[in-house]
Amino acid sequence: MIAILDYGIGNLKSIHNMFKKIGIDAVITSDIHEIQNADKYLLPGVGSFDYAIMRLKNASFFDVLEKEVLEVKKPVLGICLGMQLLTQRSEEGKEQGLGWIDAQTIRFDLDDKSLAIPHMGWNKVIPREEGKVLFKHLQESRFYFVHSYHVVCNDEANIAATTCYGDDFTCSVSKGNIYGVQFHPEKSHKFGMQLLKNFGEL
């Protein structure tokens, strides 16, 4: 069972509906016991970095979640801002991130000033070897993005996939049982369904 973490942030129903469509057992929850007993975790996120990280760290289930992810090694997938929360910090705010991925989140500073920020719309995603599990059957895929900040990994081994928007940037990270995607699989139709199915089958 996948626990979709409810800490007052994110588009939870859309993600839950996508899991239902692909036949993956998932529940929206903030219940400590449900989270402790879950097999995997989905960390959603929209809005500002500082507000989201404070909500997550102040959630009643946070200590349990951290133990299950870091010690028990249960898989977790961060989506959009949820991926950015996995990093050490963000230029968007002053709070420390989770630090589960050795990376920082920075604002787009594109050489091509004709490109709009936020980056919004469909883009091709190029998986790397590190992303072969999450991106199985997704070598030629497009996903839907809405974001003004992107993740920069200090260790290239944590880069699971890239996208080009003016320049190449990291759009997916992985480190052991910890995964993140900058795009919205719940808004990415068949490609998003396959990615969530891959995560559900880990």
N, C-alpha and C. Protein backbone atom coordinates (compact mmCIF):
# COMPACT_ATOMS: atom_id res chain seq x y z
N MET A 1 0.84 -1.19 0.00
CA MET A 1 0.00 0.00 0.00
C MET A 1 0.88 1.25 0.00
N ILE A 2 0.51 2.23 -0.83
CA ILE A 2 1.23 3.49 -0.90
C ILE A 2 0.49 4.54 -0.06
N ALA A 3 1.21 5.18 0.84
CA ALA A 3 0.64 6.26 1.62
C ALA A 3 0.94 7.58 0.91
N ILE A 4 -0.12 8.26 0.46
CA ILE A 4 0.01 9.60 -0.10
C ILE A 4 -0.04 10.56 1.08
N LEU A 5 1.08 11.19 1.36
CA LEU A 5 1.25 11.92 2.61
C LEU A 5 0.44 13.22 2.62
N ASP A 6 -0.46 13.31 3.56
CA ASP A 6 -1.33 14.49 3.69
C ASP A 6 -0.79 15.39 4.80
N TYR A 7 -0.06 16.44 4.38
CA TYR A 7 0.44 17.43 5.34
C TYR A 7 -0.07 18.82 4.97
N GLY A 8 -1.21 18.83 4.27
CA GLY A 8 -1.86 20.09 3.91
C GLY A 8 -1.32 20.74 2.67
N ILE A 9 -0.53 19.99 1.87
CA ILE A 9 0.10 20.53 0.68
C ILE A 9 -0.07 19.54 -0.47
N GLY A 10 -0.48 20.03 -1.65
CA GLY A 10 -0.43 19.17 -2.83
C GLY A 10 -1.78 18.77 -3.37
N ASN A 11 -1.74 18.25 -4.57
CA ASN A 11 -2.94 17.84 -5.30
C ASN A 11 -3.20 16.36 -5.04
N LEU A 12 -3.70 16.06 -3.86
CA LEU A 12 -3.77 14.68 -3.40
C LEU A 12 -4.78 13.83 -4.15
N LYS A 13 -5.95 14.39 -4.45
CA LYS A 13 -7.00 13.60 -5.07
C LYS A 13 -6.62 13.18 -6.49
N SER A 14 -5.97 14.06 -7.23
CA SER A 14 -5.57 13.71 -8.60
C SER A 14 -4.57 12.56 -8.59
N ILE A 15 -3.64 12.58 -7.64
CA ILE A 15 -2.66 11.50 -7.53
C ILE A 15 -3.36 10.21 -7.12
N HIS A 16 -4.26 10.30 -6.16
CA HIS A 16 -4.99 9.11 -5.71
C HIS A 16 -5.81 8.51 -6.84
N ASN A 17 -6.47 9.37 -7.61
CA ASN A 17 -7.27 8.88 -8.74
C ASN A 17 -6.42 8.18 -9.78
N MET A 18 -5.20 8.68 -10.00
CA MET A 18 -4.31 8.03 -10.96
C MET A 18 -3.91 6.65 -10.48
N PHE A 19 -3.62 6.51 -9.21
CA PHE A 19 -3.29 5.19 -8.67
C PHE A 19 -4.48 4.24 -8.81
N LYS A 20 -5.70 4.75 -8.58
CA LYS A 20 -6.89 3.92 -8.73
C LYS A 20 -7.03 3.42 -10.16
N LYS A 21 -6.76 4.29 -11.13
CA LYS A 21 -6.88 3.92 -12.54
C LYS A 21 -5.95 2.77 -12.92
N ILE A 22 -4.76 2.74 -12.31
CA ILE A 22 -3.78 1.73 -12.68
C ILE A 22 -3.79 0.53 -11.71
N GLY A 23 -4.75 0.53 -10.80
CA GLY A 23 -4.93 -0.62 -9.93
C GLY A 23 -3.90 -0.75 -8.82
N ILE A 24 -3.34 0.38 -8.37
CA ILE A 24 -2.36 0.37 -7.29
C ILE A 24 -3.05 0.83 -6.01
N ASP A 25 -2.91 0.05 -4.95
CA ASP A 25 -3.53 0.36 -3.66
C ASP A 25 -2.84 1.56 -3.04
N ALA A 26 -3.59 2.64 -2.81
CA ALA A 26 -3.04 3.85 -2.23
C ALA A 26 -4.09 4.51 -1.34
N VAL A 27 -3.62 5.26 -0.36
CA VAL A 27 -4.52 5.95 0.55
C VAL A 27 -3.94 7.32 0.87
N ILE A 28 -4.80 8.34 0.92
CA ILE A 28 -4.40 9.67 1.39
C ILE A 28 -4.47 9.65 2.91
N THR A 29 -3.35 9.95 3.58
CA THR A 29 -3.36 9.78 5.02
C THR A 29 -2.36 10.68 5.73
N SER A 30 -2.69 11.00 6.97
CA SER A 30 -1.74 11.61 7.90
C SER A 30 -1.68 10.78 9.18
N ASP A 31 -2.28 9.59 9.13
CA ASP A 31 -2.35 8.71 10.29
C ASP A 31 -1.01 8.01 10.51
N ILE A 32 -0.47 8.12 11.70
CA ILE A 32 0.85 7.58 11.99
C ILE A 32 0.90 6.08 11.75
N HIS A 33 -0.13 5.35 12.18
CA HIS A 33 -0.12 3.89 12.05
C HIS A 33 -0.22 3.46 10.60
N GLU A 34 -1.06 4.15 9.82
CA GLU A 34 -1.14 3.84 8.40
C GLU A 34 0.18 4.10 7.70
N ILE A 35 0.84 5.18 8.07
CA ILE A 35 2.12 5.53 7.46
C ILE A 35 3.19 4.52 7.86
N GLN A 36 3.17 4.12 9.12
CA GLN A 36 4.14 3.13 9.58
C GLN A 36 3.96 1.79 8.87
N ASN A 37 2.72 1.44 8.55
CA ASN A 37 2.42 0.14 7.94
C ASN A 37 2.46 0.16 6.42
N ALA A 38 2.61 1.35 5.82
CA ALA A 38 2.63 1.45 4.36
C ALA A 38 3.91 0.84 3.79
N ASP A 39 3.83 0.43 2.52
CA ASP A 39 5.00 -0.13 1.83
C ASP A 39 5.84 0.95 1.17
N LYS A 40 5.17 2.04 0.74
CA LYS A 40 5.85 3.11 0.01
C LYS A 40 5.15 4.43 0.34
N TYR A 41 5.83 5.54 -0.04
CA TYR A 41 5.29 6.87 0.25
C TYR A 41 5.33 7.76 -0.97
N LEU A 42 4.28 8.56 -1.11
CA LEU A 42 4.21 9.57 -2.15
C LEU A 42 4.19 10.93 -1.47
N LEU A 43 5.22 11.75 -1.76
CA LEU A 43 5.34 13.08 -1.15
C LEU A 43 4.96 14.14 -2.17
N PRO A 44 3.74 14.67 -2.11
CA PRO A 44 3.31 15.71 -3.06
C PRO A 44 3.81 17.08 -2.60
N GLY A 45 3.56 18.09 -3.41
CA GLY A 45 3.92 19.44 -3.00
C GLY A 45 3.61 20.48 -4.05
N VAL A 46 2.97 21.54 -3.64
CA VAL A 46 2.78 22.74 -4.47
C VAL A 46 2.95 23.94 -3.56
N GLY A 47 3.28 25.10 -4.13
CA GLY A 47 3.41 26.31 -3.33
C GLY A 47 4.85 26.62 -3.00
N SER A 48 5.08 27.24 -1.83
CA SER A 48 6.41 27.74 -1.47
C SER A 48 7.18 26.72 -0.65
N PHE A 49 8.50 26.73 -0.82
CA PHE A 49 9.39 25.77 -0.17
C PHE A 49 9.30 25.86 1.36
N ASP A 50 9.48 27.06 1.91
CA ASP A 50 9.53 27.20 3.36
C ASP A 50 8.23 26.75 4.03
N TYR A 51 7.10 27.15 3.47
CA TYR A 51 5.81 26.76 4.05
C TYR A 51 5.65 25.26 4.02
N ALA A 52 6.00 24.65 2.88
CA ALA A 52 5.83 23.21 2.74
C ALA A 52 6.74 22.42 3.67
N ILE A 53 8.02 22.80 3.75
CA ILE A 53 8.94 22.04 4.59
C ILE A 53 8.58 22.18 6.06
N MET A 54 8.10 23.34 6.46
CA MET A 54 7.69 23.51 7.85
C MET A 54 6.44 22.68 8.16
N ARG A 55 5.50 22.65 7.22
CA ARG A 55 4.30 21.82 7.41
C ARG A 55 4.69 20.35 7.54
N LEU A 56 5.61 19.91 6.69
CA LEU A 56 6.00 18.50 6.71
C LEU A 56 6.74 18.16 8.00
N LYS A 57 7.72 18.97 8.37
CA LYS A 57 8.50 18.66 9.57
C LYS A 57 7.68 18.79 10.86
N ASN A 58 6.61 19.58 10.82
CA ASN A 58 5.74 19.72 11.99
C ASN A 58 4.59 18.72 12.01
N ALA A 59 4.48 17.92 10.95
CA ALA A 59 3.41 16.91 10.89
C ALA A 59 3.64 15.85 11.96
N SER A 60 2.56 15.35 12.50
CA SER A 60 2.66 14.36 13.60
C SER A 60 3.39 13.10 13.18
N PHE A 61 3.35 12.80 11.88
CA PHE A 61 3.94 11.55 11.40
C PHE A 61 5.39 11.70 10.94
N PHE A 62 5.98 12.90 11.03
CA PHE A 62 7.27 13.13 10.38
C PHE A 62 8.37 12.21 10.90
N ASP A 63 8.48 12.05 12.20
CA ASP A 63 9.55 11.20 12.75
C ASP A 63 9.40 9.76 12.29
N VAL A 64 8.17 9.29 12.22
CA VAL A 64 7.91 7.93 11.72
C VAL A 64 8.31 7.82 10.26
N LEU A 65 7.92 8.81 9.47
CA LEU A 65 8.25 8.80 8.04
C LEU A 65 9.76 8.77 7.85
N GLU A 66 10.48 9.61 8.56
CA GLU A 66 11.93 9.68 8.40
C GLU A 66 12.59 8.35 8.76
N LYS A 67 12.11 7.71 9.81
CA LYS A 67 12.65 6.41 10.20
C LYS A 67 12.38 5.36 9.14
N GLU A 68 11.14 5.34 8.62
CA GLU A 68 10.77 4.33 7.63
C GLU A 68 11.55 4.50 6.33
N VAL A 69 11.83 5.75 5.96
CA VAL A 69 12.55 6.01 4.71
C VAL A 69 14.06 5.82 4.89
N LEU A 70 14.63 6.38 5.94
CA LEU A 70 16.08 6.39 6.10
C LEU A 70 16.64 5.14 6.76
N GLU A 71 15.87 4.51 7.63
CA GLU A 71 16.37 3.33 8.34
C GLU A 71 15.79 2.03 7.77
N VAL A 72 14.49 1.99 7.59
CA VAL A 72 13.85 0.78 7.05
C VAL A 72 14.03 0.70 5.54
N LYS A 73 14.27 1.86 4.91
CA LYS A 73 14.55 1.96 3.47
C LYS A 73 13.32 1.69 2.61
N LYS A 74 12.14 2.14 3.05
CA LYS A 74 10.95 2.05 2.21
C LYS A 74 11.02 3.11 1.12
N PRO A 75 10.55 2.80 -0.09
CA PRO A 75 10.62 3.75 -1.20
C PRO A 75 9.74 4.98 -0.97
N VAL A 76 10.24 6.14 -1.40
CA VAL A 76 9.47 7.38 -1.36
C VAL A 76 9.66 8.08 -2.69
N LEU A 77 8.58 8.69 -3.18
CA LEU A 77 8.62 9.46 -4.43
C LEU A 77 8.11 10.86 -4.17
N GLY A 78 8.97 11.86 -4.36
CA GLY A 78 8.57 13.25 -4.25
C GLY A 78 8.17 13.80 -5.61
N ILE A 79 7.06 14.53 -5.66
CA ILE A 79 6.54 15.09 -6.90
C ILE A 79 6.58 16.62 -6.85
N CYS A 80 7.15 17.25 -7.88
CA CYS A 80 7.24 18.70 -8.04
C CYS A 80 7.91 19.33 -6.81
N LEU A 81 7.23 20.15 -6.04
CA LEU A 81 7.83 20.71 -4.84
C LEU A 81 8.25 19.60 -3.89
N GLY A 82 7.53 18.48 -3.92
CA GLY A 82 7.91 17.33 -3.09
C GLY A 82 9.31 16.83 -3.40
N MET A 83 9.72 16.89 -4.66
CA MET A 83 11.10 16.54 -5.03
C MET A 83 12.07 17.58 -4.49
N GLN A 84 11.72 18.85 -4.59
CA GLN A 84 12.61 19.90 -4.10
C GLN A 84 12.81 19.82 -2.59
N LEU A 85 11.80 19.37 -1.86
CA LEU A 85 11.93 19.22 -0.41
C LEU A 85 12.97 18.17 -0.03
N LEU A 86 13.28 17.25 -0.96
CA LEU A 86 14.27 16.21 -0.69
C LEU A 86 15.68 16.78 -0.60
N THR A 87 15.90 17.99 -1.12
CA THR A 87 17.23 18.58 -1.21
C THR A 87 17.64 19.26 0.10
N GLN A 88 18.85 19.80 0.10
CA GLN A 88 19.37 20.47 1.30
C GLN A 88 18.69 21.81 1.57
N ARG A 89 18.43 22.55 0.48
CA ARG A 89 17.88 23.89 0.65
C ARG A 89 17.33 24.38 -0.69
N SER A 90 16.65 25.53 -0.65
CA SER A 90 16.12 26.14 -1.87
C SER A 90 16.38 27.64 -1.86
N GLU A 91 16.70 28.19 -3.02
CA GLU A 91 16.83 29.65 -3.13
C GLU A 91 15.50 30.36 -2.88
N GLU A 92 14.42 29.61 -2.90
CA GLU A 92 13.10 30.21 -2.70
C GLU A 92 12.89 30.64 -1.24
N GLY A 93 13.62 30.02 -0.32
CA GLY A 93 13.38 30.33 1.09
C GLY A 93 14.63 30.18 1.93
N LYS A 94 14.44 30.15 3.25
CA LYS A 94 15.55 30.12 4.20
C LYS A 94 15.60 28.81 4.99
N GLU A 95 14.53 28.04 4.96
CA GLU A 95 14.48 26.81 5.75
C GLU A 95 15.35 25.71 5.14
N GLN A 96 15.84 24.82 5.98
CA GLN A 96 16.59 23.66 5.51
C GLN A 96 15.61 22.61 4.97
N GLY A 97 16.00 21.97 3.85
CA GLY A 97 15.20 20.89 3.31
C GLY A 97 15.44 19.60 4.08
N LEU A 98 14.92 18.50 3.55
CA LEU A 98 15.10 17.21 4.20
C LEU A 98 16.54 16.73 4.14
N GLY A 99 17.25 17.10 3.07
CA GLY A 99 18.62 16.66 2.92
C GLY A 99 18.77 15.18 2.59
N TRP A 100 17.71 14.56 2.10
CA TRP A 100 17.79 13.14 1.73
C TRP A 100 18.53 12.95 0.41
N ILE A 101 18.58 14.00 -0.40
CA ILE A 101 19.38 14.03 -1.62
C ILE A 101 20.40 15.17 -1.47
N ASP A 102 21.65 14.90 -1.81
CA ASP A 102 22.69 15.93 -1.72
C ASP A 102 22.56 16.86 -2.93
N ALA A 103 21.76 17.88 -2.76
CA ALA A 103 21.43 18.78 -3.87
C ALA A 103 20.87 20.07 -3.30
N GLN A 104 20.74 21.08 -4.15
CA GLN A 104 20.07 22.31 -3.79
C GLN A 104 19.08 22.67 -4.90
N THR A 105 18.11 23.48 -4.55
CA THR A 105 17.08 23.89 -5.48
C THR A 105 17.30 25.37 -5.82
N ILE A 106 17.43 25.67 -7.12
CA ILE A 106 17.72 27.04 -7.53
C ILE A 106 16.69 27.53 -8.55
N ARG A 107 16.58 28.83 -8.65
CA ARG A 107 15.64 29.43 -9.61
C ARG A 107 16.25 29.39 -11.00
N PHE A 108 15.40 29.18 -12.00
CA PHE A 108 15.85 29.25 -13.39
C PHE A 108 16.51 30.60 -13.69
N ASP A 109 17.66 30.56 -14.33
CA ASP A 109 18.33 31.77 -14.81
C ASP A 109 18.79 31.45 -16.23
N LEU A 110 17.88 31.61 -17.19
CA LEU A 110 18.11 31.14 -18.54
C LEU A 110 18.79 32.19 -19.41
N ASP A 111 19.71 31.73 -20.24
CA ASP A 111 20.36 32.64 -21.20
C ASP A 111 19.36 33.16 -22.22
N ASP A 112 18.43 32.30 -22.60
CA ASP A 112 17.40 32.68 -23.56
C ASP A 112 16.25 33.37 -22.82
N LYS A 113 16.25 34.69 -22.82
CA LYS A 113 15.27 35.45 -22.05
C LYS A 113 13.87 35.42 -22.67
N SER A 114 13.75 34.84 -23.87
CA SER A 114 12.43 34.71 -24.48
C SER A 114 11.63 33.56 -23.86
N LEU A 115 12.31 32.68 -23.12
CA LEU A 115 11.64 31.55 -22.49
C LEU A 115 10.99 32.00 -21.19
N ALA A 116 9.72 31.67 -21.05
CA ALA A 116 8.95 32.12 -19.89
C ALA A 116 9.34 31.35 -18.63
N ILE A 117 9.26 32.04 -17.51
CA ILE A 117 9.37 31.42 -16.20
C ILE A 117 8.11 31.82 -15.43
N PRO A 118 7.34 30.87 -14.90
CA PRO A 118 7.67 29.45 -14.77
C PRO A 118 7.69 28.68 -16.09
N HIS A 119 8.50 27.63 -16.07
CA HIS A 119 8.49 26.65 -17.15
C HIS A 119 7.19 25.87 -17.03
N MET A 120 6.37 25.94 -18.06
CA MET A 120 5.03 25.34 -18.01
C MET A 120 4.73 24.64 -19.32
N GLY A 121 4.32 23.38 -19.25
CA GLY A 121 3.91 22.65 -20.44
C GLY A 121 4.58 21.29 -20.53
N TRP A 122 4.41 20.68 -21.71
CA TRP A 122 4.91 19.33 -21.94
C TRP A 122 6.34 19.37 -22.46
N ASN A 123 7.20 18.51 -21.89
CA ASN A 123 8.57 18.41 -22.35
C ASN A 123 9.03 16.96 -22.37
N LYS A 124 9.95 16.69 -23.29
CA LYS A 124 10.54 15.36 -23.37
C LYS A 124 11.48 15.13 -22.20
N VAL A 125 11.43 13.94 -21.64
CA VAL A 125 12.28 13.56 -20.52
C VAL A 125 13.26 12.48 -20.98
N ILE A 126 14.54 12.67 -20.66
CA ILE A 126 15.59 11.74 -21.07
C ILE A 126 16.10 10.99 -19.83
N PRO A 127 15.72 9.72 -19.67
CA PRO A 127 16.20 8.96 -18.51
C PRO A 127 17.68 8.62 -18.63
N ARG A 128 18.34 8.54 -17.49
CA ARG A 128 19.71 8.05 -17.41
C ARG A 128 19.69 6.63 -16.85
N GLU A 129 20.86 6.03 -16.78
CA GLU A 129 20.96 4.68 -16.22
C GLU A 129 20.42 4.64 -14.79
N GLU A 130 20.65 5.72 -14.05
CA GLU A 130 20.19 5.78 -12.65
C GLU A 130 18.66 5.80 -12.55
N GLY A 131 18.00 6.10 -13.66
CA GLY A 131 16.54 6.16 -13.65
C GLY A 131 15.86 4.98 -14.30
N LYS A 132 16.61 3.92 -14.56
CA LYS A 132 16.06 2.81 -15.35
C LYS A 132 14.88 2.12 -14.67
N VAL A 133 14.84 2.12 -13.35
CA VAL A 133 13.73 1.46 -12.64
C VAL A 133 12.48 2.33 -12.72
N LEU A 134 12.61 3.60 -12.37
CA LEU A 134 11.45 4.49 -12.37
C LEU A 134 10.93 4.76 -13.78
N PHE A 135 11.85 4.77 -14.77
CA PHE A 135 11.46 5.11 -16.15
C PHE A 135 11.41 3.89 -17.06
N LYS A 136 11.16 2.74 -16.50
CA LYS A 136 11.01 1.53 -17.30
C LYS A 136 9.88 1.71 -18.31
N HIS A 137 10.14 1.36 -19.57
CA HIS A 137 9.18 1.51 -20.68
C HIS A 137 8.89 2.98 -21.01
N LEU A 138 9.76 3.88 -20.61
CA LEU A 138 9.52 5.31 -20.83
C LEU A 138 10.72 5.99 -21.49
N GLN A 139 11.33 5.32 -22.44
CA GLN A 139 12.50 5.90 -23.10
C GLN A 139 12.13 7.09 -24.00
N GLU A 140 10.95 7.08 -24.58
CA GLU A 140 10.46 8.19 -25.41
C GLU A 140 9.19 8.72 -24.77
N SER A 141 9.35 9.63 -23.81
CA SER A 141 8.19 10.06 -23.03
C SER A 141 8.17 11.57 -22.84
N ARG A 142 6.98 12.09 -22.61
CA ARG A 142 6.78 13.52 -22.37
C ARG A 142 5.94 13.68 -21.11
N PHE A 143 6.31 14.66 -20.31
CA PHE A 143 5.62 14.90 -19.05
C PHE A 143 5.27 16.38 -18.91
N TYR A 144 4.29 16.64 -18.03
CA TYR A 144 3.79 18.00 -17.85
C TYR A 144 4.49 18.68 -16.66
N PHE A 145 5.05 19.87 -16.91
CA PHE A 145 5.81 20.64 -15.93
C PHE A 145 5.12 21.95 -15.59
N VAL A 146 5.25 22.37 -14.34
CA VAL A 146 4.90 23.74 -13.91
C VAL A 146 5.85 24.08 -12.76
N HIS A 147 6.91 24.88 -13.03
CA HIS A 147 7.86 25.20 -11.96
C HIS A 147 8.78 26.35 -12.37
N SER A 148 9.26 27.06 -11.36
CA SER A 148 10.21 28.15 -11.55
C SER A 148 11.59 27.81 -10.99
N TYR A 149 11.67 26.72 -10.21
CA TYR A 149 12.92 26.30 -9.59
C TYR A 149 13.26 24.88 -10.05
N HIS A 150 14.54 24.57 -10.03
CA HIS A 150 14.96 23.22 -10.43
C HIS A 150 16.09 22.76 -9.53
N VAL A 151 16.31 21.46 -9.51
CA VAL A 151 17.27 20.83 -8.60
C VAL A 151 18.63 20.67 -9.27
N VAL A 152 19.68 20.97 -8.53
CA VAL A 152 21.05 20.77 -8.98
C VAL A 152 21.72 19.79 -8.01
N CYS A 153 22.07 18.61 -8.51
CA CYS A 153 22.66 17.56 -7.67
C CYS A 153 24.16 17.78 -7.53
N ASN A 154 24.68 17.57 -6.33
CA ASN A 154 26.12 17.62 -6.10
C ASN A 154 26.81 16.34 -6.54
N ASP A 155 26.05 15.25 -6.61
CA ASP A 155 26.55 13.96 -7.07
C ASP A 155 25.77 13.56 -8.32
N GLU A 156 26.46 13.47 -9.45
CA GLU A 156 25.77 13.14 -10.71
C GLU A 156 25.09 11.79 -10.67
N ALA A 157 25.54 10.91 -9.78
CA ALA A 157 24.93 9.59 -9.66
C ALA A 157 23.48 9.67 -9.19
N ASN A 158 23.08 10.83 -8.64
CA ASN A 158 21.70 11.01 -8.19
C ASN A 158 20.77 11.55 -9.27
N ILE A 159 21.31 11.84 -10.47
CA ILE A 159 20.49 12.35 -11.57
C ILE A 159 19.85 11.18 -12.30
N ALA A 160 18.53 11.06 -12.22
CA ALA A 160 17.82 9.95 -12.84
C ALA A 160 17.32 10.28 -14.24
N ALA A 161 17.06 11.57 -14.51
CA ALA A 161 16.58 11.98 -15.83
C ALA A 161 16.77 13.49 -15.98
N THR A 162 16.83 13.93 -17.24
CA THR A 162 16.99 15.36 -17.53
C THR A 162 15.95 15.80 -18.56
N THR A 163 15.76 17.10 -18.62
CA THR A 163 14.88 17.75 -19.59
C THR A 163 15.59 19.00 -20.09
N CYS A 164 15.32 19.42 -21.31
CA CYS A 164 15.89 20.65 -21.84
C CYS A 164 14.84 21.74 -21.89
N TYR A 165 15.13 22.83 -21.21
CA TYR A 165 14.33 24.06 -21.32
C TYR A 165 15.32 25.21 -21.39
N GLY A 166 15.74 25.53 -22.59
CA GLY A 166 16.84 26.46 -22.77
C GLY A 166 18.17 25.75 -22.55
N ASP A 167 18.34 25.19 -21.38
CA ASP A 167 19.48 24.35 -21.02
C ASP A 167 18.95 23.05 -20.43
N ASP A 168 19.80 22.03 -20.39
CA ASP A 168 19.43 20.79 -19.72
C ASP A 168 19.37 21.01 -18.22
N PHE A 169 18.37 20.42 -17.57
CA PHE A 169 18.29 20.46 -16.12
C PHE A 169 17.80 19.12 -15.60
N THR A 170 18.09 18.86 -14.34
CA THR A 170 17.67 17.61 -13.70
C THR A 170 16.18 17.65 -13.42
N CYS A 171 15.47 16.66 -13.96
CA CYS A 171 14.02 16.61 -13.73
C CYS A 171 13.61 15.38 -12.91
N SER A 172 14.59 14.53 -12.57
CA SER A 172 14.30 13.39 -11.71
C SER A 172 15.56 13.00 -10.97
N VAL A 173 15.40 12.64 -9.71
CA VAL A 173 16.53 12.22 -8.89
C VAL A 173 16.26 10.84 -8.30
N SER A 174 17.34 10.15 -7.95
CA SER A 174 17.19 8.87 -7.25
C SER A 174 18.43 8.61 -6.42
N LYS A 175 18.22 8.04 -5.26
CA LYS A 175 19.31 7.62 -4.39
C LYS A 175 18.79 6.47 -3.54
N GLY A 176 19.15 5.26 -3.95
CA GLY A 176 18.64 4.09 -3.24
C GLY A 176 17.13 4.00 -3.33
N ASN A 177 16.46 4.11 -2.19
CA ASN A 177 15.00 4.01 -2.12
C ASN A 177 14.30 5.36 -2.26
N ILE A 178 15.07 6.42 -2.52
CA ILE A 178 14.52 7.78 -2.56
C ILE A 178 14.48 8.27 -4.01
N TYR A 179 13.28 8.69 -4.44
CA TYR A 179 13.07 9.12 -5.83
C TYR A 179 12.35 10.47 -5.84
N GLY A 180 12.57 11.23 -6.91
CA GLY A 180 11.85 12.48 -7.07
C GLY A 180 11.68 12.80 -8.54
N VAL A 181 10.57 13.46 -8.87
CA VAL A 181 10.32 13.94 -10.23
C VAL A 181 9.81 15.37 -10.15
N GLN A 182 10.36 16.24 -11.01
CA GLN A 182 9.96 17.64 -11.01
C GLN A 182 8.61 17.84 -11.69
N PHE A 183 8.29 17.00 -12.64
CA PHE A 183 7.04 17.10 -13.39
C PHE A 183 5.88 16.49 -12.60
N HIS A 184 4.69 16.57 -13.20
CA HIS A 184 3.48 16.05 -12.56
C HIS A 184 3.01 14.79 -13.28
N PRO A 185 3.33 13.61 -12.77
CA PRO A 185 2.85 12.39 -13.42
C PRO A 185 1.33 12.28 -13.42
N GLU A 186 0.69 12.85 -12.40
CA GLU A 186 -0.78 12.77 -12.32
C GLU A 186 -1.46 13.62 -13.38
N LYS A 187 -0.69 14.48 -14.08
CA LYS A 187 -1.24 15.29 -15.17
C LYS A 187 -0.64 14.90 -16.52
N SER A 188 0.07 13.78 -16.55
CA SER A 188 0.84 13.41 -17.74
C SER A 188 0.30 12.18 -18.46
N HIS A 189 -0.98 11.90 -18.27
CA HIS A 189 -1.69 10.86 -19.03
C HIS A 189 -0.95 9.52 -19.01
N LYS A 190 -0.78 8.89 -20.16
CA LYS A 190 -0.25 7.52 -20.20
C LYS A 190 1.19 7.45 -19.68
N PHE A 191 1.96 8.50 -19.88
CA PHE A 191 3.35 8.49 -19.40
C PHE A 191 3.38 8.53 -17.87
N GLY A 192 2.53 9.38 -17.30
CA GLY A 192 2.45 9.45 -15.85
C GLY A 192 1.93 8.18 -15.24
N MET A 193 0.96 7.56 -15.90
CA MET A 193 0.42 6.30 -15.41
C MET A 193 1.50 5.23 -15.37
N GLN A 194 2.33 5.18 -16.41
CA GLN A 194 3.40 4.17 -16.44
C GLN A 194 4.43 4.44 -15.35
N LEU A 195 4.78 5.70 -15.14
CA LEU A 195 5.77 6.01 -14.12
C LEU A 195 5.24 5.65 -12.73
N LEU A 196 4.00 5.98 -12.42
CA LEU A 196 3.43 5.64 -11.12
C LEU A 196 3.28 4.13 -10.97
N LYS A 197 3.00 3.46 -12.07
CA LYS A 197 2.93 1.99 -12.04
C LYS A 197 4.32 1.42 -11.72
N ASN A 198 5.34 1.97 -12.34
CA ASN A 198 6.71 1.51 -12.05
C ASN A 198 7.05 1.70 -10.58
N PHE A 199 6.68 2.86 -10.04
CA PHE A 199 6.94 3.12 -8.61
C PHE A 199 6.16 2.14 -7.76
N GLY A 200 4.89 1.93 -8.09
CA GLY A 200 4.06 1.03 -7.31
C GLY A 200 4.55 -0.41 -7.31
N GLU A 201 5.29 -0.78 -8.34
CA GLU A 201 5.78 -2.16 -8.47
C GLU A 201 7.19 -2.35 -7.92
N LEU A 202 7.79 -1.30 -7.37
CA LEU A 202 9.14 -1.44 -6.80
C LEU A 202 9.16 -2.48 -5.68
